[in-house]
Protein backbone atom coordinates (compact mmCIF):
# COMPACT_ATOMS: atom_id res chain seq x y z
CA UNK A 1 14.65 50.23 326.93
CA UNK A 2 11.71 53.14 326.76
CA UNK A 3 8.52 51.67 328.57
CA UNK A 4 5.14 51.54 326.50
CA UNK A 5 4.57 55.17 328.07
CA UNK A 6 7.24 56.43 326.05
CA UNK A 7 7.06 58.67 322.97
CA UNK A 8 7.83 57.96 319.50
CA UNK A 9 11.09 60.03 319.59
CA UNK A 10 12.60 58.18 322.91
CA UNK A 11 11.83 54.32 321.36
CA UNK A 12 13.61 55.30 318.10
CA UNK A 13 16.48 57.57 320.15
CA UNK A 14 16.87 54.86 322.63
CA UNK A 15 17.24 51.71 320.31
CA UNK A 16 20.33 50.69 318.26
CA UNK A 17 18.25 50.16 314.67
CA UNK A 18 19.44 49.04 311.64
CA UNK A 19 18.33 50.60 308.67
CA UNK A 20 19.29 48.01 305.46
CA UNK A 21 21.46 48.90 301.89
CA UNK A 22 21.34 46.24 299.61
CA UNK A 23 22.85 47.63 296.43
CA UNK A 24 22.45 45.52 293.02
CA UNK A 25 24.78 47.06 289.73
CA UNK A 26 23.09 46.53 286.79
CA UNK A 27 25.37 45.08 283.34
CA UNK A 28 23.98 46.49 280.93
CA UNK A 29 22.80 50.31 281.91
CA UNK A 30 25.13 52.68 284.15
CA UNK A 31 22.45 52.18 287.04
CA UNK A 32 22.37 50.37 290.20
CA UNK A 33 19.12 49.39 291.74
CA UNK A 34 18.85 50.40 295.84
CA UNK A 35 16.64 48.51 298.26
CA UNK A 36 15.74 50.47 301.31
CA UNK A 37 14.49 48.62 304.18
CA UNK A 38 12.90 50.21 307.60
CA UNK A 39 13.35 46.71 309.94
CA UNK A 40 10.22 46.00 311.86
CA UNK A 41 11.54 47.43 314.88
CA UNK A 42 11.44 50.86 313.78
CA UNK A 43 8.70 49.84 311.43
CA UNK A 44 5.68 48.61 313.77
CA UNK A 45 6.17 51.97 315.86
CA UNK A 46 5.68 53.95 312.33
CA UNK A 47 2.12 54.27 310.22
CA UNK A 48 4.01 55.56 307.34
CA UNK A 49 7.31 55.79 305.75
CA UNK A 50 8.71 57.50 302.91
CA UNK A 51 12.30 57.70 301.39
CA UNK A 52 13.15 61.54 300.62
CA UNK A 53 16.19 62.61 299.50
CA UNK A 54 18.19 64.45 296.38
CA UNK A 55 17.29 61.55 293.74
CA UNK A 56 13.53 62.71 294.36
CA UNK A 57 14.32 66.47 294.56
CA UNK A 58 12.81 65.75 299.03
CA UNK A 59 9.68 65.37 298.28
CA UNK A 60 7.59 63.12 300.87
CA UNK A 61 5.49 61.52 298.45
CA UNK A 62 7.32 60.46 295.59
CA UNK A 63 8.75 57.26 297.35
CA UNK A 64 5.98 55.61 299.64
CA UNK A 65 7.96 52.23 301.80
CA UNK A 66 5.74 49.42 301.56
CA UNK A 67 4.72 47.69 304.74
CA UNK A 68 5.63 44.16 304.64
CA UNK A 69 4.35 41.46 306.86
CA UNK A 70 6.23 41.70 309.66
CA UNK A 71 5.99 45.68 309.84
CA UNK A 72 9.10 46.47 307.81
CA UNK A 73 9.22 48.90 305.48
CA UNK A 74 10.91 48.84 301.90
CA UNK A 75 11.30 50.47 298.60
CA UNK A 76 13.85 49.48 295.81
CA UNK A 77 14.47 52.86 293.54
CA UNK A 78 17.01 52.93 290.52
CA UNK A 79 20.18 55.45 290.82
CA UNK A 80 22.67 56.71 288.43
CA UNK A 81 25.96 54.70 288.66
CA UNK A 82 29.14 57.08 289.76
CA UNK A 83 26.79 59.39 292.25
CA UNK A 84 26.53 60.17 296.22
CA UNK A 85 23.06 61.05 296.91
CA UNK A 86 21.98 62.52 300.29
CA UNK A 87 18.53 61.11 301.57
CA UNK A 88 16.79 60.21 304.63
CA UNK A 89 13.70 58.43 305.90
CA UNK A 90 10.11 60.47 306.69
CA UNK A 91 8.34 58.48 309.30
CA UNK A 92 4.40 59.28 309.72
CA UNK A 93 5.43 62.48 308.29
CA UNK A 94 7.10 64.53 310.91
CA UNK A 95 9.72 62.29 312.03
CA UNK A 96 12.87 62.11 310.32
CA UNK A 97 15.36 59.18 310.75
CA UNK A 98 18.75 58.19 308.79
CA UNK A 99 20.29 55.00 307.69
CA UNK A 100 22.34 53.70 310.02
CA UNK A 101 24.58 52.11 307.46
CA UNK A 102 25.42 54.77 304.77
CA UNK A 103 28.21 55.51 303.24
CA UNK A 104 28.74 58.46 305.11
CA UNK A 105 26.62 61.69 307.04
CA UNK A 106 27.13 64.99 306.13
CA UNK A 107 25.51 67.94 307.70
CA UNK A 108 22.14 68.95 307.20
CA UNK A 109 21.42 72.58 306.27
CA UNK A 110 18.49 72.49 308.52
CA UNK A 111 20.39 72.99 311.49
CA UNK A 112 21.84 70.46 314.20
CA UNK A 113 21.11 67.66 311.61
CA UNK A 114 22.80 65.16 309.45
CA UNK A 115 21.59 63.33 305.85
CA UNK A 116 22.67 59.81 304.94
CA UNK A 117 24.74 59.99 301.84
CA UNK A 118 24.56 56.36 299.81
CA UNK A 119 27.03 55.91 297.11
CA UNK A 120 26.58 54.01 294.04
């Protein structure tokens, strides 16, 4: 485990942390309400978090995540069913993180990294 002097990146990299995704399919519309959650173990290392992906044209500001009392971050969005969407979490406006529970991963066009994919 990294010590208190470890950098933000080292602390994230050296921990096996679970993000969580919850999908709720609506019966009356072709929509899935998806809740994305960054757990407190990661959230407590960041001041801000945003959900960024194809569903919001990779906007850094469209889907800010709400900090919960325990330090976790969460947001819920509606996605059209029958599609897959690439996304990532943006912490403190500069640190990209993936969802370990994503449905799959695809190479990012920005060299040496991958994007998470959710399929609804």
